[in-house]
Amino acid sequence: MITMIIRYRVKKEFVEEAKKRIRGFVTKVKDNEPEILVYESFQSEKDKQEFMNYMKFQTEEAEKFHRRTDYYRKFVEILYPLCEREPEFEKLVGFY
């Protein structure tokens, strides 16, 4: 199992646009990728410009498939320009 988080900060003027795009993307992921066990997106309550996506892939192949989908590529093309800086990806490792 592969667990990841992605942190990103959206430019203030694009927060609502980003939320709309994130909702659409997460819906496509959930509808089309059964090997993604969890895919959730969160907005900071403290800082409305801060977002985090949390995901669990059943296999490494599921992660690779995810990154190859057309809707993933389109989401990246749309989201990155709305961000103050490039999103940060981090793999998480279970310890028990």
PDB file of N, CA and C in Angstrom:
ATOM      1  N   MET A   1       0.838  -1.175   0.000  1.00  0.00           N
ATOM      2  CA  MET A   1       0.000   0.000   0.000  1.00  0.00           C
ATOM      3  C   MET A   1       0.888   1.246   0.000  1.00  0.00           C
ATOM      4  N   ILE A   2       0.485   2.239  -0.760  1.00  0.00           N
ATOM      5  CA  ILE A   2       1.228   3.492  -0.859  1.00  0.00           C
ATOM      6  C   ILE A   2       0.329   4.613  -0.346  1.00  0.00           C
ATOM      7  N   THR A   3       0.815   5.342   0.640  1.00  0.00           N
ATOM      8  CA  THR A   3       0.070   6.459   1.217  1.00  0.00           C
ATOM      9  C   THR A   3       0.836   7.737   0.937  1.00  0.00           C
ATOM     10  N   MET A   4       0.133   8.747   0.453  1.00  0.00           N
ATOM     11  CA  MET A   4       0.772  10.015   0.102  1.00  0.00           C
ATOM     12  C   MET A   4      -0.082  11.186   0.559  1.00  0.00           C
ATOM     13  N   ILE A   5       0.607  12.319   0.743  1.00  0.00           N
ATOM     14  CA  ILE A   5      -0.083  13.592   0.914  1.00  0.00           C
ATOM     15  C   ILE A   5       0.532  14.593  -0.053  1.00  0.00           C
ATOM     16  N   ILE A   6      -0.286  15.519  -0.461  1.00  0.00           N
ATOM     17  CA  ILE A   6       0.171  16.620  -1.311  1.00  0.00           C
ATOM     18  C   ILE A   6      -0.292  17.895  -0.626  1.00  0.00           C
ATOM     19  N   ARG A   7       0.644  18.779  -0.378  1.00  0.00           N
ATOM     20  CA  ARG A   7       0.315  20.072   0.237  1.00  0.00           C
ATOM     21  C   ARG A   7       0.498  21.165  -0.810  1.00  0.00           C
ATOM     22  N   TYR A   8      -0.435  22.110  -0.822  1.00  0.00           N
ATOM     23  CA  TYR A   8      -0.299  23.223  -1.760  1.00  0.00           C
ATOM     24  C   TYR A   8      -1.030  24.450  -1.238  1.00  0.00           C
ATOM     25  N   ARG A   9      -0.529  25.591  -1.672  1.00  0.00           N
ATOM     26  CA  ARG A   9      -1.093  26.877  -1.257  1.00  0.00           C
ATOM     27  C   ARG A   9      -1.584  27.595  -2.508  1.00  0.00           C
ATOM     28  N   VAL A  10      -2.870  27.886  -2.519  1.00  0.00           N
ATOM     29  CA  VAL A  10      -3.510  28.522  -3.662  1.00  0.00           C
ATOM     30  C   VAL A  10      -3.461  30.045  -3.489  1.00  0.00           C
ATOM     31  N   LYS A  11      -3.267  30.750  -4.592  1.00  0.00           N
ATOM     32  CA  LYS A  11      -3.314  32.213  -4.553  1.00  0.00           C
ATOM     33  C   LYS A  11      -4.701  32.644  -4.065  1.00  0.00           C
ATOM     34  N   LYS A  12      -4.715  33.678  -3.254  1.00  0.00           N
ATOM     35  CA  LYS A  12      -5.940  34.117  -2.580  1.00  0.00           C
ATOM     36  C   LYS A  12      -7.115  34.309  -3.543  1.00  0.00           C
ATOM     37  N   GLU A  13      -6.843  34.907  -4.685  1.00  0.00           N
ATOM     38  CA  GLU A  13      -7.919  35.211  -5.631  1.00  0.00           C
ATOM     39  C   GLU A  13      -8.453  33.971  -6.359  1.00  0.00           C
ATOM     40  N   PHE A  14      -7.793  32.831  -6.189  1.00  0.00           N
ATOM     41  CA  PHE A  14      -8.207  31.612  -6.895  1.00  0.00           C
ATOM     42  C   PHE A  14      -8.718  30.506  -5.970  1.00  0.00           C
ATOM     43  N   VAL A  15      -8.955  30.806  -4.703  1.00  0.00           N
ATOM     44  CA  VAL A  15      -9.372  29.772  -3.751  1.00  0.00           C
ATOM     45  C   VAL A  15     -10.672  29.095  -4.194  1.00  0.00           C
ATOM     46  N   GLU A  16     -11.684  29.848  -4.544  1.00  0.00           N
ATOM     47  CA  GLU A  16     -12.970  29.245  -4.937  1.00  0.00           C
ATOM     48  C   GLU A  16     -12.843  28.466  -6.243  1.00  0.00           C
ATOM     49  N   GLU A  17     -12.091  28.981  -7.183  1.00  0.00           N
ATOM     50  CA  GLU A  17     -11.846  28.267  -8.446  1.00  0.00           C
ATOM     51  C   GLU A  17     -11.128  26.952  -8.173  1.00  0.00           C
ATOM     52  N   ALA A  18     -10.138  26.988  -7.314  1.00  0.00           N
ATOM     53  CA  ALA A  18      -9.393  25.770  -6.977  1.00  0.00           C
ATOM     54  C   ALA A  18     -10.320  24.742  -6.332  1.00  0.00           C
ATOM     55  N   LYS A  19     -11.169  25.168  -5.420  1.00  0.00           N
ATOM     56  CA  LYS A  19     -12.088  24.235  -4.757  1.00  0.00           C
ATOM     57  C   LYS A  19     -13.010  23.561  -5.777  1.00  0.00           C
ATOM     58  N   LYS A  20     -13.482  24.315  -6.730  1.00  0.00           N
ATOM     59  CA  LYS A  20     -14.336  23.765  -7.790  1.00  0.00           C
ATOM     60  C   LYS A  20     -13.574  22.703  -8.585  1.00  0.00           C
ATOM     61  N   ARG A  21     -12.348  23.015  -8.964  1.00  0.00           N
ATOM     62  CA  ARG A  21     -11.528  22.081  -9.751  1.00  0.00           C
ATOM     63  C   ARG A  21     -11.162  20.843  -8.936  1.00  0.00           C
ATOM     64  N   ILE A  22     -10.856  21.030  -7.672  1.00  0.00           N
ATOM     65  CA  ILE A  22     -10.500  19.904  -6.800  1.00  0.00           C
ATOM     66  C   ILE A  22     -11.689  18.956  -6.663  1.00  0.00           C
ATOM     67  N   ARG A  23     -12.871  19.501  -6.432  1.00  0.00           N
ATOM     68  CA  ARG A  23     -14.078  18.659  -6.305  1.00  0.00           C
ATOM     69  C   ARG A  23     -14.284  17.804  -7.556  1.00  0.00           C
ATOM     70  N   GLY A  24     -14.156  18.425  -8.722  1.00  0.00           N
ATOM     71  CA  GLY A  24     -14.328  17.690  -9.976  1.00  0.00           C
ATOM     72  C   GLY A  24     -13.294  16.600 -10.149  1.00  0.00           C
ATOM     73  N   PHE A  25     -12.058  16.913  -9.801  1.00  0.00           N
ATOM     74  CA  PHE A  25     -10.973  15.938  -9.934  1.00  0.00           C
ATOM     75  C   PHE A  25     -11.172  14.759  -8.987  1.00  0.00           C
ATOM     76  N   VAL A  26     -11.468  15.029  -7.729  1.00  0.00           N
ATOM     77  CA  VAL A  26     -11.644  13.954  -6.747  1.00  0.00           C
ATOM     78  C   VAL A  26     -12.811  13.053  -7.156  1.00  0.00           C
ATOM     79  N   THR A  27     -13.866  13.627  -7.687  1.00  0.00           N
ATOM     80  CA  THR A  27     -14.996  12.826  -8.169  1.00  0.00           C
ATOM     81  C   THR A  27     -14.551  11.879  -9.277  1.00  0.00           C
ATOM     82  N   LYS A  28     -13.756  12.378 -10.226  1.00  0.00           N
ATOM     83  CA  LYS A  28     -13.270  11.521 -11.319  1.00  0.00           C
ATOM     84  C   LYS A  28     -12.378  10.406 -10.790  1.00  0.00           C
ATOM     85  N   VAL A  29     -11.528  10.732  -9.845  1.00  0.00           N
ATOM     86  CA  VAL A  29     -10.653   9.711  -9.256  1.00  0.00           C
ATOM     87  C   VAL A  29     -11.500   8.618  -8.609  1.00  0.00           C
ATOM     88  N   LYS A  30     -12.448   9.002  -7.790  1.00  0.00           N
ATOM     89  CA  LYS A  30     -13.273   8.020  -7.073  1.00  0.00           C
ATOM     90  C   LYS A  30     -14.137   7.187  -8.023  1.00  0.00           C
ATOM     91  N   ASP A  31     -14.580   7.789  -9.114  1.00  0.00           N
ATOM     92  CA  ASP A  31     -15.427   7.083 -10.076  1.00  0.00           C
ATOM     93  C   ASP A  31     -14.650   6.131 -10.982  1.00  0.00           C
ATOM     94  N   ASN A  32     -13.354   6.394 -11.179  1.00  0.00           N
ATOM     95  CA  ASN A  32     -12.604   5.666 -12.199  1.00  0.00           C
ATOM     96  C   ASN A  32     -11.421   4.845 -11.710  1.00  0.00           C
ATOM     97  N   GLU A  33     -11.080   4.943 -10.434  1.00  0.00           N
ATOM     98  CA  GLU A  33      -9.875   4.265  -9.958  1.00  0.00           C
ATOM     99  C   GLU A  33     -10.175   3.439  -8.704  1.00  0.00           C
ATOM    100  N   PRO A  34     -10.676   2.222  -8.904  1.00  0.00           N
ATOM    101  CA  PRO A  34     -11.035   1.392  -7.749  1.00  0.00           C
ATOM    102  C   PRO A  34      -9.851   0.972  -6.882  1.00  0.00           C
ATOM    103  N   GLU A  35      -8.630   1.044  -7.418  1.00  0.00           N
ATOM    104  CA  GLU A  35      -7.461   0.666  -6.619  1.00  0.00           C
ATOM    105  C   GLU A  35      -6.926   1.816  -5.771  1.00  0.00           C
ATOM    106  N   ILE A  36      -7.601   2.952  -5.824  1.00  0.00           N
ATOM    107  CA  ILE A  36      -7.301   4.019  -4.868  1.00  0.00           C
ATOM    108  C   ILE A  36      -8.283   3.819  -3.718  1.00  0.00           C
ATOM    109  N   LEU A  37      -7.749   3.422  -2.596  1.00  0.00           N
ATOM    110  CA  LEU A  37      -8.585   3.084  -1.446  1.00  0.00           C
ATOM    111  C   LEU A  37      -9.164   4.323  -0.779  1.00  0.00           C
ATOM    112  N   VAL A  38      -8.386   5.404  -0.773  1.00  0.00           N
ATOM    113  CA  VAL A  38      -8.816   6.675  -0.183  1.00  0.00           C
ATOM    114  C   VAL A  38      -8.255   7.798  -1.036  1.00  0.00           C
ATOM    115  N   TYR A  39      -9.079   8.785  -1.340  1.00  0.00           N
ATOM    116  CA  TYR A  39      -8.598  10.021  -1.963  1.00  0.00           C
ATOM    117  C   TYR A  39      -9.478  11.132  -1.414  1.00  0.00           C
ATOM    118  N   GLU A  40      -8.903  11.957  -0.573  1.00  0.00           N
ATOM    119  CA  GLU A  40      -9.642  13.044   0.066  1.00  0.00           C
ATOM    120  C   GLU A  40      -8.850  14.341  -0.073  1.00  0.00           C
ATOM    121  N   SER A  41      -9.567  15.430  -0.127  1.00  0.00           N
ATOM    122  CA  SER A  41      -8.935  16.743  -0.187  1.00  0.00           C
ATOM    123  C   SER A  41      -9.438  17.568   0.992  1.00  0.00           C
ATOM    124  N   PHE A  42      -8.529  18.322   1.591  1.00  0.00           N
ATOM    125  CA  PHE A  42      -8.849  19.113   2.778  1.00  0.00           C
ATOM    126  C   PHE A  42      -8.369  20.549   2.590  1.00  0.00           C
ATOM    127  N   GLN A  43      -9.116  21.476   3.181  1.00  0.00           N
ATOM    128  CA  GLN A  43      -8.734  22.881   3.218  1.00  0.00           C
ATOM    129  C   GLN A  43      -8.494  23.242   4.675  1.00  0.00           C
ATOM    130  N   SER A  44      -7.423  23.961   4.928  1.00  0.00           N
ATOM    131  CA  SER A  44      -7.121  24.374   6.293  1.00  0.00           C
ATOM    132  C   SER A  44      -8.219  25.285   6.827  1.00  0.00           C
ATOM    133  N   GLU A  45      -8.631  25.021   8.033  1.00  0.00           N
ATOM    134  CA  GLU A  45      -9.615  25.875   8.691  1.00  0.00           C
ATOM    135  C   GLU A  45      -8.966  27.205   9.096  1.00  0.00           C
ATOM    136  N   LYS A  46      -7.692  27.148   9.418  1.00  0.00           N
ATOM    137  CA  LYS A  46      -6.945  28.313   9.891  1.00  0.00           C
ATOM    138  C   LYS A  46      -6.516  29.231   8.743  1.00  0.00           C
ATOM    139  N   ASP A  47      -6.092  28.642   7.629  1.00  0.00           N
ATOM    140  CA  ASP A  47      -5.601  29.405   6.481  1.00  0.00           C
ATOM    141  C   ASP A  47      -6.287  28.873   5.232  1.00  0.00           C
ATOM    142  N   LYS A  48      -7.284  29.570   4.743  1.00  0.00           N
ATOM    143  CA  LYS A  48      -8.131  29.100   3.642  1.00  0.00           C
ATOM    144  C   LYS A  48      -7.383  28.904   2.323  1.00  0.00           C
ATOM    145  N   GLN A  49      -6.156  29.373   2.235  1.00  0.00           N
ATOM    146  CA  GLN A  49      -5.362  29.182   1.018  1.00  0.00           C
ATOM    147  C   GLN A  49      -4.593  27.862   1.023  1.00  0.00           C
ATOM    148  N   GLU A  50      -4.536  27.206   2.165  1.00  0.00           N
ATOM    149  CA  GLU A  50      -3.769  25.960   2.314  1.00  0.00           C
ATOM    150  C   GLU A  50      -4.665  24.745   2.095  1.00  0.00           C
ATOM    151  N   PHE A  51      -4.177  23.828   1.259  1.00  0.00           N
ATOM    152  CA  PHE A  51      -4.907  22.601   0.948  1.00  0.00           C
ATOM    153  C   PHE A  51      -3.988  21.399   1.117  1.00  0.00           C
ATOM    154  N   MET A  52      -4.626  20.231   1.311  1.00  0.00           N
ATOM    155  CA  MET A  52      -3.881  18.984   1.380  1.00  0.00           C
ATOM    156  C   MET A  52      -4.740  17.881   0.776  1.00  0.00           C
ATOM    157  N   ASN A  53      -4.141  17.075  -0.077  1.00  0.00           N
ATOM    158  CA  ASN A  53      -4.795  15.878  -0.593  1.00  0.00           C
ATOM    159  C   ASN A  53      -4.153  14.677   0.087  1.00  0.00           C
ATOM    160  N   TYR A  54      -4.990  13.731   0.491  1.00  0.00           N
ATOM    161  CA  TYR A  54      -4.541  12.512   1.170  1.00  0.00           C
ATOM    162  C   TYR A  54      -5.024  11.329   0.351  1.00  0.00           C
ATOM    163  N   MET A  55      -4.114  10.400   0.051  1.00  0.00           N
ATOM    164  CA  MET A  55      -4.496   9.269  -0.785  1.00  0.00           C
ATOM    165  C   MET A  55      -3.802   7.989  -0.378  1.00  0.00           C
ATOM    166  N   LYS A  56      -4.488   6.871  -0.611  1.00  0.00           N
ATOM    167  CA  LYS A  56      -3.924   5.541  -0.380  1.00  0.00           C
ATOM    168  C   LYS A  56      -4.152   4.722  -1.640  1.00  0.00           C
ATOM    169  N   PHE A  57      -3.059   4.260  -2.213  1.00  0.00           N
ATOM    170  CA  PHE A  57      -3.120   3.409  -3.394  1.00  0.00           C
ATOM    171  C   PHE A  57      -2.926   1.964  -2.966  1.00  0.00           C
ATOM    172  N   GLN A  58      -3.694   1.067  -3.554  1.00  0.00           N
ATOM    173  CA  GLN A  58      -3.579  -0.347  -3.214  1.00  0.00           C
ATOM    174  C   GLN A  58      -2.232  -0.911  -3.659  1.00  0.00           C
ATOM    175  N   THR A  59      -1.742  -0.451  -4.828  1.00  0.00           N
ATOM    176  CA  THR A  59      -0.484  -0.958  -5.378  1.00  0.00           C
ATOM    177  C   THR A  59       0.305   0.179  -6.007  1.00  0.00           C
ATOM    178  N   GLU A  60       1.571  -0.096  -6.282  1.00  0.00           N
ATOM    179  CA  GLU A  60       2.405   0.875  -6.996  1.00  0.00           C
ATOM    180  C   GLU A  60       1.858   1.107  -8.401  1.00  0.00           C
ATOM    181  N   GLU A  61       1.351   0.061  -9.024  1.00  0.00           N
ATOM    182  CA  GLU A  61       0.764   0.196 -10.363  1.00  0.00           C
ATOM    183  C   GLU A  61      -0.448   1.128 -10.339  1.00  0.00           C
ATOM    184  N   ALA A  62      -1.227   1.085  -9.272  1.00  0.00           N
ATOM    185  CA  ALA A  62      -2.377   1.987  -9.145  1.00  0.00           C
ATOM    186  C   ALA A  62      -1.919   3.444  -9.092  1.00  0.00           C
ATOM    187  N   GLU A  63      -0.812   3.690  -8.402  1.00  0.00           N
ATOM    188  CA  GLU A  63      -0.265   5.055  -8.351  1.00  0.00           C
ATOM    189  C   GLU A  63       0.200   5.491  -9.734  1.00  0.00           C
ATOM    190  N   LYS A  64       0.897   4.614 -10.435  1.00  0.00           N
ATOM    191  CA  LYS A  64       1.368   4.936 -11.793  1.00  0.00           C
ATOM    192  C   LYS A  64       0.194   5.186 -12.735  1.00  0.00           C
ATOM    193  N   PHE A  65      -0.821   4.340 -12.652  1.00  0.00           N
ATOM    194  CA  PHE A  65      -2.008   4.510 -13.486  1.00  0.00           C
ATOM    195  C   PHE A  65      -2.636   5.881 -13.232  1.00  0.00           C
ATOM    196  N   HIS A  66      -2.759   6.242 -11.966  1.00  0.00           N
ATOM    197  CA  HIS A  66      -3.345   7.529 -11.579  1.00  0.00           C
ATOM    198  C   HIS A  66      -2.631   8.689 -12.269  1.00  0.00           C
ATOM    199  N   ARG A  67      -1.322   8.654 -12.249  1.00  0.00           N
ATOM    200  CA  ARG A  67      -0.538   9.752 -12.835  1.00  0.00           C
ATOM    201  C   ARG A  67      -0.593   9.776 -14.363  1.00  0.00           C
ATOM    202  N   ARG A  68      -1.031   8.697 -14.967  1.00  0.00           N
ATOM    203  CA  ARG A  68      -1.114   8.637 -16.433  1.00  0.00           C
ATOM    204  C   ARG A  68      -2.488   9.020 -16.976  1.00  0.00           C
ATOM    205  N   THR A  69      -3.470   9.194 -16.111  1.00  0.00           N
ATOM    206  CA  THR A  69      -4.814   9.490 -16.610  1.00  0.00           C
ATOM    207  C   THR A  69      -4.875  10.900 -17.204  1.00  0.00           C
ATOM    208  N   ASP A  70      -5.757  11.047 -18.179  1.00  0.00           N
ATOM    209  CA  ASP A  70      -5.942  12.359 -18.805  1.00  0.00           C
ATOM    210  C   ASP A  70      -6.444  13.389 -17.805  1.00  0.00           C
ATOM    211  N   TYR A  71      -7.347  12.994 -16.921  1.00  0.00           N
ATOM    212  CA  TYR A  71      -7.892  13.962 -15.963  1.00  0.00           C
ATOM    213  C   TYR A  71      -6.850  14.386 -14.931  1.00  0.00           C
ATOM    214  N   TYR A  72      -5.884  13.518 -14.610  1.00  0.00           N
ATOM    215  CA  TYR A  72      -4.783  13.914 -13.719  1.00  0.00           C
ATOM    216  C   TYR A  72      -3.937  14.988 -14.402  1.00  0.00           C
ATOM    217  N   ARG A  73      -3.551  14.714 -15.645  1.00  0.00           N
ATOM    218  CA  ARG A  73      -2.712  15.687 -16.377  1.00  0.00           C
ATOM    219  C   ARG A  73      -3.426  17.027 -16.532  1.00  0.00           C
ATOM    220  N   LYS A  74      -4.709  16.975 -16.844  1.00  0.00           N
ATOM    221  CA  LYS A  74      -5.477  18.216 -17.000  1.00  0.00           C
ATOM    222  C   LYS A  74      -5.571  18.964 -15.668  1.00  0.00           C
ATOM    223  N   PHE A  75      -5.795  18.232 -14.581  1.00  0.00           N
ATOM    224  CA  PHE A  75      -5.877  18.854 -13.258  1.00  0.00           C
ATOM    225  C   PHE A  75      -4.571  19.561 -12.907  1.00  0.00           C
ATOM    226  N   VAL A  76      -3.448  18.915 -13.167  1.00  0.00           N
ATOM    227  CA  VAL A  76      -2.137  19.520 -12.902  1.00  0.00           C
ATOM    228  C   VAL A  76      -1.981  20.802 -13.717  1.00  0.00           C
ATOM    229  N   GLU A  77      -2.344  20.757 -14.992  1.00  0.00           N
ATOM    230  CA  GLU A  77      -2.236  21.939 -15.860  1.00  0.00           C
ATOM    231  C   GLU A  77      -3.087  23.096 -15.352  1.00  0.00           C
ATOM    232  N   ILE A  78      -4.230  22.778 -14.774  1.00  0.00           N
ATOM    233  CA  ILE A  78      -5.134  23.816 -14.269  1.00  0.00           C
ATOM    234  C   ILE A  78      -4.725  24.283 -12.874  1.00  0.00           C
ATOM    235  N   LEU A  79      -4.409  23.341 -11.984  1.00  0.00           N
ATOM    236  CA  LEU A  79      -4.157  23.689 -10.581  1.00  0.00           C
ATOM    237  C   LEU A  79      -2.839  24.426 -10.364  1.00  0.00           C
ATOM    238  N   TYR A  80      -1.759  23.948 -10.966  1.00  0.00           N
ATOM    239  CA  TYR A  80      -0.442  24.529 -10.672  1.00  0.00           C
ATOM    240  C   TYR A  80      -0.396  26.040 -10.883  1.00  0.00           C
ATOM    241  N   PRO A  81      -0.963  26.585 -11.959  1.00  0.00           N
ATOM    242  CA  PRO A  81      -0.938  28.046 -12.114  1.00  0.00           C
ATOM    243  C   PRO A  81      -1.753  28.794 -11.051  1.00  0.00           C
ATOM    244  N   LEU A  82      -2.684  28.105 -10.395  1.00  0.00           N
ATOM    245  CA  LEU A  82      -3.481  28.740  -9.340  1.00  0.00           C
ATOM    246  C   LEU A  82      -2.744  28.792  -8.006  1.00  0.00           C
ATOM    247  N   CYS A  83      -1.615  28.087  -7.924  1.00  0.00           N
ATOM    248  CA  CYS A  83      -0.862  27.966  -6.672  1.00  0.00           C
ATOM    249  C   CYS A  83       0.239  29.014  -6.557  1.00  0.00           C
ATOM    250  N   GLU A  84       0.565  29.360  -5.324  1.00  0.00           N
ATOM    251  CA  GLU A  84       1.663  30.297  -5.070  1.00  0.00           C
ATOM    252  C   GLU A  84       3.015  29.659  -5.352  1.00  0.00           C
ATOM    253  N   ARG A  85       3.103  28.347  -5.145  1.00  0.00           N
ATOM    254  CA  ARG A  85       4.337  27.600  -5.404  1.00  0.00           C
ATOM    255  C   ARG A  85       3.934  26.181  -5.802  1.00  0.00           C
ATOM    256  N   GLU A  86       4.877  25.447  -6.322  1.00  0.00           N
ATOM    257  CA  GLU A  86       4.585  24.088  -6.761  1.00  0.00           C
ATOM    258  C   GLU A  86       4.161  23.212  -5.578  1.00  0.00           C
ATOM    259  N   PRO A  87       3.129  22.399  -5.755  1.00  0.00           N
ATOM    260  CA  PRO A  87       2.694  21.500  -4.678  1.00  0.00           C
ATOM    261  C   PRO A  87       3.815  20.570  -4.219  1.00  0.00           C
ATOM    262  N   GLU A  88       3.774  20.218  -2.932  1.00  0.00           N
ATOM    263  CA  GLU A  88       4.781  19.334  -2.332  1.00  0.00           C
ATOM    264  C   GLU A  88       4.180  17.954  -2.112  1.00  0.00           C
ATOM    265  N   PHE A  89       4.826  16.939  -2.695  1.00  0.00           N
ATOM    266  CA  PHE A  89       4.386  15.548  -2.570  1.00  0.00           C
ATOM    267  C   PHE A  89       5.223  14.861  -1.496  1.00  0.00           C
ATOM    268  N   GLU A  90       4.565  14.034  -0.682  1.00  0.00           N
ATOM    269  CA  GLU A  90       5.288  13.299   0.356  1.00  0.00           C
ATOM    270  C   GLU A  90       4.668  11.918   0.531  1.00  0.00           C
ATOM    271  N   LYS A  91       5.510  10.880   0.453  1.00  0.00           N
ATOM    272  CA  LYS A  91       5.052   9.522   0.741  1.00  0.00           C
ATOM    273  C   LYS A  91       5.152   9.302   2.239  1.00  0.00           C
ATOM    274  N   LEU A  92       4.158   8.629   2.790  1.00  0.00           N
ATOM    275  CA  LEU A  92       4.124   8.335   4.219  1.00  0.00           C
ATOM    276  C   LEU A  92       4.398   6.852   4.433  1.00  0.00           C
ATOM    277  N   VAL A  93       5.074   6.540   5.522  1.00  0.00           N
ATOM    278  CA  VAL A  93       5.429   5.162   5.841  1.00  0.00           C
ATOM    279  C   VAL A  93       4.796   4.797   7.177  1.00  0.00           C
ATOM    280  N   GLY A  94       4.027   3.716   7.177  1.00  0.00           N
ATOM    281  CA  GLY A  94       3.444   3.234   8.426  1.00  0.00           C
ATOM    282  C   GLY A  94       4.533   2.665   9.323  1.00  0.00           C
ATOM    283  N   PHE A  95       4.346   2.766  10.620  1.00  0.00           N
ATOM    284  CA  PHE A  95       5.375   2.274  11.536  1.00  0.00           C
ATOM    285  C   PHE A  95       4.842   1.231  12.510  1.00  0.00           C
ATOM    286  N   TYR A  96       3.598   0.840  12.377  1.00  0.00           N
ATOM    287  CA  TYR A  96       3.096  -0.270  13.186  1.00  0.00           C
ATOM    288  C   TYR A  96       1.954  -0.963  12.494  1.00  0.00           C
TER     289      TYR A  96
END
